[in-house]
Amino acid sequence: MNRRTTLVTAVALTTGLVLAGCSTDGSGDADVKNAKPELKVSGAFMPEPVMDDMAAGFLTVKNDSDVADKLTSVTSNISGEVQIHETKNQKMREVKSFDIPADGQLNLERGGSHIMFLKLKKKPQVGEKVAVELHFEKAGVIKTELPVEETTHNPKKQ
């Protein structure tokens, strides 16, 4: 009886250990699936808008982790609607998300992908800061501010 109990216990423990190493996606690495990316926002700015009802925003999101993510939306209380746009072949269009590769970055910059603020509630002026919330698929919400710069402001790439 004692030998049988020991054998059943050993089998149960082995099965438990094997199952603990499994993940729901079959990859065997549950920690990577549940890991959050390490995102940092830099270089954020908004050129002072020339129109009263719309503006653009630019920034860089750096991912210092082995986990990719997506920017899925942006919100701000300065605007009735905020969209994320890409520019290809000199044509701008709204997109549902932007990929942020593992150990990579997303550049939102003049002439390319950017944040579009529509239906401005007030026209921001040079020296002010516009609060935004960046919504990511895995990292959640990151709050940041876009300093309002001169209309012609265009920092050089580094």
C-alpha atoms as a PDB file:
ATOM      1  CA  MET A   1       0.000   0.000   0.000  1.00  0.00           C
ATOM      2  CA  ASN A   2       2.795   2.404   0.881  1.00  0.00           C
ATOM      3  CA  ARG A   3       4.630   1.669  -2.357  1.00  0.00           C
ATOM      4  CA  ARG A   4       1.461   2.292  -4.391  1.00  0.00           C
ATOM      5  CA  THR A   5       0.826   5.656  -2.647  1.00  0.00           C
ATOM      6  CA  THR A   6       4.419   6.729  -3.319  1.00  0.00           C
ATOM      7  CA  LEU A   7       4.104   5.794  -6.996  1.00  0.00           C
ATOM      8  CA  VAL A   8       0.787   7.675  -7.396  1.00  0.00           C
ATOM      9  CA  THR A   9       2.263  10.721  -5.664  1.00  0.00           C
ATOM     10  CA  ALA A  10       5.352  10.641  -7.918  1.00  0.00           C
ATOM     11  CA  VAL A  11       3.216  10.390 -11.061  1.00  0.00           C
ATOM     12  CA  ALA A  12       0.963  13.228  -9.875  1.00  0.00           C
ATOM     13  CA  LEU A  13       3.947  15.477  -9.100  1.00  0.00           C
ATOM     14  CA  THR A  14       5.590  14.740 -12.453  1.00  0.00           C
ATOM     15  CA  THR A  15       2.347  15.470 -14.311  1.00  0.00           C
ATOM     16  CA  GLY A  16       1.931  18.726 -12.403  1.00  0.00           C
ATOM     17  CA  LEU A  17       5.464  19.832 -13.236  1.00  0.00           C
ATOM     18  CA  VAL A  18       5.005  19.027 -16.924  1.00  0.00           C
ATOM     19  CA  LEU A  19       1.700  20.913 -17.062  1.00  0.00           C
ATOM     20  CA  ALA A  20       3.173  23.903 -15.248  1.00  0.00           C
ATOM     21  CA  GLY A  21       5.653  24.338 -18.101  1.00  0.00           C
ATOM     22  CA  CYS A  22       2.887  24.480 -20.715  1.00  0.00           C
ATOM     23  CA  SER A  23       1.134  27.613 -21.878  1.00  0.00           C
ATOM     24  CA  THR A  24      -2.270  28.096 -23.434  1.00  0.00           C
ATOM     25  CA  ASP A  25      -0.759  28.823 -26.876  1.00  0.00           C
ATOM     26  CA  GLY A  26       1.384  25.704 -26.886  1.00  0.00           C
ATOM     27  CA  SER A  27       4.642  27.643 -27.089  1.00  0.00           C
ATOM     28  CA  GLY A  28       5.840  26.421 -23.701  1.00  0.00           C
ATOM     29  CA  ASP A  29       6.694  29.940 -22.579  1.00  0.00           C
ATOM     30  CA  ALA A  30       3.782  31.461 -20.678  1.00  0.00           C
ATOM     31  CA  ASP A  31       6.000  34.213 -19.240  1.00  0.00           C
ATOM     32  CA  VAL A  32       6.728  35.711 -22.689  1.00  0.00           C
ATOM     33  CA  LYS A  33       3.042  35.657 -23.620  1.00  0.00           C
ATOM     34  CA  ASN A  34       2.101  37.576 -20.456  1.00  0.00           C
ATOM     35  CA  ALA A  35       5.125  39.902 -20.432  1.00  0.00           C
ATOM     36  CA  LYS A  36       4.567  43.644 -20.860  1.00  0.00           C
ATOM     37  CA  PRO A  37       6.793  45.616 -23.192  1.00  0.00           C
ATOM     38  CA  GLU A  38       9.052  48.325 -21.754  1.00  0.00           C
ATOM     39  CA  LEU A  39       7.994  51.409 -23.716  1.00  0.00           C
ATOM     40  CA  LYS A  40       9.441  54.922 -23.437  1.00  0.00           C
ATOM     41  CA  VAL A  41       8.125  58.033 -25.177  1.00  0.00           C
ATOM     42  CA  SER A  42      10.526  60.750 -26.326  1.00  0.00           C
ATOM     43  CA  GLY A  43      10.755  63.675 -28.723  1.00  0.00           C
ATOM     44  CA  ALA A  44       7.059  64.512 -28.394  1.00  0.00           C
ATOM     45  CA  PHE A  45       5.787  67.790 -29.856  1.00  0.00           C
ATOM     46  CA  MET A  46       2.868  69.471 -31.589  1.00  0.00           C
ATOM     47  CA  PRO A  47       3.530  72.242 -34.096  1.00  0.00           C
ATOM     48  CA  GLU A  48       1.303  75.230 -33.402  1.00  0.00           C
ATOM     49  CA  PRO A  49      -1.701  74.580 -35.653  1.00  0.00           C
ATOM     50  CA  VAL A  50      -2.356  76.915 -38.567  1.00  0.00           C
ATOM     51  CA  MET A  51      -6.034  75.946 -38.615  1.00  0.00           C
ATOM     52  CA  ASP A  52      -8.442  76.356 -35.715  1.00  0.00           C
ATOM     53  CA  ASP A  53      -9.951  72.860 -35.889  1.00  0.00           C
ATOM     54  CA  MET A  54      -7.047  70.423 -36.432  1.00  0.00           C
ATOM     55  CA  ALA A  55      -3.463  69.740 -35.429  1.00  0.00           C
ATOM     56  CA  ALA A  56      -0.797  67.058 -35.719  1.00  0.00           C
ATOM     57  CA  GLY A  57       1.385  65.418 -33.093  1.00  0.00           C
ATOM     58  CA  PHE A  58       4.706  63.650 -33.339  1.00  0.00           C
ATOM     59  CA  LEU A  59       6.772  61.449 -31.023  1.00  0.00           C
ATOM     60  CA  THR A  60       8.919  58.346 -30.778  1.00  0.00           C
ATOM     61  CA  VAL A  61       8.019  55.200 -28.829  1.00  0.00           C
ATOM     62  CA  LYS A  62      11.063  53.066 -28.010  1.00  0.00           C
ATOM     63  CA  ASN A  63      10.607  49.437 -27.015  1.00  0.00           C
ATOM     64  CA  ASP A  64      13.456  48.166 -24.825  1.00  0.00           C
ATOM     65  CA  SER A  65      12.086  44.640 -24.444  1.00  0.00           C
ATOM     66  CA  ASP A  66      11.758  41.344 -26.281  1.00  0.00           C
ATOM     67  CA  VAL A  67       7.974  41.791 -26.536  1.00  0.00           C
ATOM     68  CA  ALA A  68       6.363  43.575 -29.509  1.00  0.00           C
ATOM     69  CA  ASP A  69       3.350  45.828 -28.978  1.00  0.00           C
ATOM     70  CA  LYS A  70       0.889  48.000 -30.914  1.00  0.00           C
ATOM     71  CA  LEU A  71      -0.250  51.591 -30.522  1.00  0.00           C
ATOM     72  CA  THR A  72      -4.008  51.161 -30.902  1.00  0.00           C
ATOM     73  CA  SER A  73      -5.328  54.674 -30.207  1.00  0.00           C
ATOM     74  CA  VAL A  74      -4.633  58.102 -28.744  1.00  0.00           C
ATOM     75  CA  THR A  75      -6.965  60.233 -26.636  1.00  0.00           C
ATOM     76  CA  SER A  76      -6.773  63.855 -25.522  1.00  0.00           C
ATOM     77  CA  ASN A  77      -9.178  66.280 -23.875  1.00  0.00           C
ATOM     78  CA  ILE A  78      -8.102  69.069 -26.270  1.00  0.00           C
ATOM     79  CA  SER A  79      -9.787  67.379 -29.203  1.00  0.00           C
ATOM     80  CA  GLY A  80     -13.174  65.905 -30.063  1.00  0.00           C
ATOM     81  CA  GLU A  81     -11.481  63.157 -32.083  1.00  0.00           C
ATOM     82  CA  VAL A  82      -7.940  61.816 -32.312  1.00  0.00           C
ATOM     83  CA  GLN A  83      -6.786  59.505 -35.093  1.00  0.00           C
ATOM     84  CA  ILE A  84      -3.528  57.795 -35.941  1.00  0.00           C
ATOM     85  CA  HIS A  85      -2.425  58.250 -39.552  1.00  0.00           C
ATOM     86  CA  GLU A  86       0.209  56.886 -41.855  1.00  0.00           C
ATOM     87  CA  THR A  87       1.490  58.622 -44.950  1.00  0.00           C
ATOM     88  CA  LYS A  88       2.455  56.499 -47.953  1.00  0.00           C
ATOM     89  CA  ASN A  89       3.100  57.793 -51.462  1.00  0.00           C
ATOM     90  CA  GLN A  90       2.253  61.294 -50.207  1.00  0.00           C
ATOM     91  CA  LYS A  91      -1.251  60.144 -49.190  1.00  0.00           C
ATOM     92  CA  MET A  92      -2.458  60.239 -45.605  1.00  0.00           C
ATOM     93  CA  ARG A  93      -4.869  57.637 -44.252  1.00  0.00           C
ATOM     94  CA  GLU A  94      -6.202  56.594 -40.864  1.00  0.00           C
ATOM     95  CA  VAL A  95      -4.969  53.242 -39.516  1.00  0.00           C
ATOM     96  CA  LYS A  96      -6.224  51.019 -36.687  1.00  0.00           C
ATOM     97  CA  SER A  97      -2.792  50.560 -35.090  1.00  0.00           C
ATOM     98  CA  PHE A  98       0.967  50.923 -35.414  1.00  0.00           C
ATOM     99  CA  ASP A  99       3.357  48.064 -34.687  1.00  0.00           C
ATOM    100  CA  ILE A 100       6.161  48.621 -32.210  1.00  0.00           C
ATOM    101  CA  PRO A 101       8.675  45.830 -32.762  1.00  0.00           C
ATOM    102  CA  ALA A 102      10.539  44.127 -29.946  1.00  0.00           C
ATOM    103  CA  ASP A 103      13.815  45.984 -29.335  1.00  0.00           C
ATOM    104  CA  GLY A 104      12.695  48.584 -31.880  1.00  0.00           C
ATOM    105  CA  GLN A 105      10.797  51.830 -32.108  1.00  0.00           C
ATOM    106  CA  LEU A 106       7.868  53.627 -33.686  1.00  0.00           C
ATOM    107  CA  ASN A 107       8.630  57.036 -35.188  1.00  0.00           C
ATOM    108  CA  LEU A 108       5.750  59.434 -35.656  1.00  0.00           C
ATOM    109  CA  GLU A 109       7.289  62.300 -37.613  1.00  0.00           C
ATOM    110  CA  ARG A 110       6.605  65.042 -40.158  1.00  0.00           C
ATOM    111  CA  GLY A 111       5.987  63.644 -43.624  1.00  0.00           C
ATOM    112  CA  GLY A 112       5.201  60.212 -42.220  1.00  0.00           C
ATOM    113  CA  SER A 113       3.053  58.527 -39.620  1.00  0.00           C
ATOM    114  CA  HIS A 114       1.547  60.897 -37.058  1.00  0.00           C
ATOM    115  CA  ILE A 115      -1.244  61.671 -34.589  1.00  0.00           C
ATOM    116  CA  MET A 116      -4.104  63.779 -35.980  1.00  0.00           C
ATOM    117  CA  PHE A 117      -6.198  65.914 -33.632  1.00  0.00           C
ATOM    118  CA  LEU A 118      -9.594  66.782 -35.153  1.00  0.00           C
ATOM    119  CA  LYS A 119     -12.338  69.060 -33.860  1.00  0.00           C
ATOM    120  CA  LEU A 120     -10.017  71.014 -31.551  1.00  0.00           C
ATOM    121  CA  LYS A 121     -11.810  72.460 -28.543  1.00  0.00           C
ATOM    122  CA  LYS A 122      -9.212  75.258 -28.400  1.00  0.00           C
ATOM    123  CA  LYS A 123      -6.234  76.146 -30.534  1.00  0.00           C
ATOM    124  CA  PRO A 124      -3.025  75.394 -28.598  1.00  0.00           C
ATOM    125  CA  GLN A 125      -0.359  78.108 -28.522  1.00  0.00           C
ATOM    126  CA  VAL A 126       3.448  77.916 -28.502  1.00  0.00           C
ATOM    127  CA  GLY A 127       4.685  77.173 -24.980  1.00  0.00           C
ATOM    128  CA  GLU A 128       1.593  75.217 -23.909  1.00  0.00           C
ATOM    129  CA  LYS A 129       1.537  71.448 -23.425  1.00  0.00           C
ATOM    130  CA  VAL A 130      -1.108  69.103 -24.758  1.00  0.00           C
ATOM    131  CA  ALA A 131      -1.856  66.077 -22.562  1.00  0.00           C
ATOM    132  CA  VAL A 132      -2.408  62.790 -24.392  1.00  0.00           C
ATOM    133  CA  GLU A 133      -2.978  59.174 -23.475  1.00  0.00           C
ATOM    134  CA  LEU A 134      -1.342  56.596 -25.717  1.00  0.00           C
ATOM    135  CA  HIS A 135      -3.220  53.287 -25.683  1.00  0.00           C
ATOM    136  CA  PHE A 136      -1.167  50.150 -26.310  1.00  0.00           C
ATOM    137  CA  GLU A 137      -2.358  46.595 -26.854  1.00  0.00           C
ATOM    138  CA  LYS A 138      -0.068  45.087 -24.167  1.00  0.00           C
ATOM    139  CA  ALA A 139       1.526  47.965 -22.233  1.00  0.00           C
ATOM    140  CA  GLY A 140      -1.816  49.648 -21.477  1.00  0.00           C
ATOM    141  CA  VAL A 141      -2.033  53.445 -21.257  1.00  0.00           C
ATOM    142  CA  ILE A 142       0.965  55.765 -21.166  1.00  0.00           C
ATOM    143  CA  LYS A 143       0.273  59.424 -20.400  1.00  0.00           C
ATOM    144  CA  THR A 144       2.546  62.045 -21.899  1.00  0.00           C
ATOM    145  CA  GLU A 145       2.555  65.691 -22.959  1.00  0.00           C
ATOM    146  CA  LEU A 146       3.262  67.257 -26.325  1.00  0.00           C
ATOM    147  CA  PRO A 147       4.908  70.677 -25.975  1.00  0.00           C
ATOM    148  CA  VAL A 148       3.481  73.084 -28.558  1.00  0.00           C
ATOM    149  CA  GLU A 149       6.307  74.369 -30.751  1.00  0.00           C
ATOM    150  CA  GLU A 150       6.510  76.884 -33.604  1.00  0.00           C
ATOM    151  CA  THR A 151       4.623  75.878 -36.730  1.00  0.00           C
ATOM    152  CA  THR A 152       7.861  75.208 -38.623  1.00  0.00           C
ATOM    153  CA  HIS A 153       9.480  73.126 -35.823  1.00  0.00           C
ATOM    154  CA  ASN A 154      11.051  69.994 -37.293  1.00  0.00           C
ATOM    155  CA  PRO A 155      13.732  68.326 -35.154  1.00  0.00           C
ATOM    156  CA  LYS A 156      16.496  66.507 -36.974  1.00  0.00           C
ATOM    157  CA  LYS A 157      16.554  62.719 -36.852  1.00  0.00           C
ATOM    158  CA  GLN A 158      19.179  61.266 -34.551  1.00  0.00           C
END
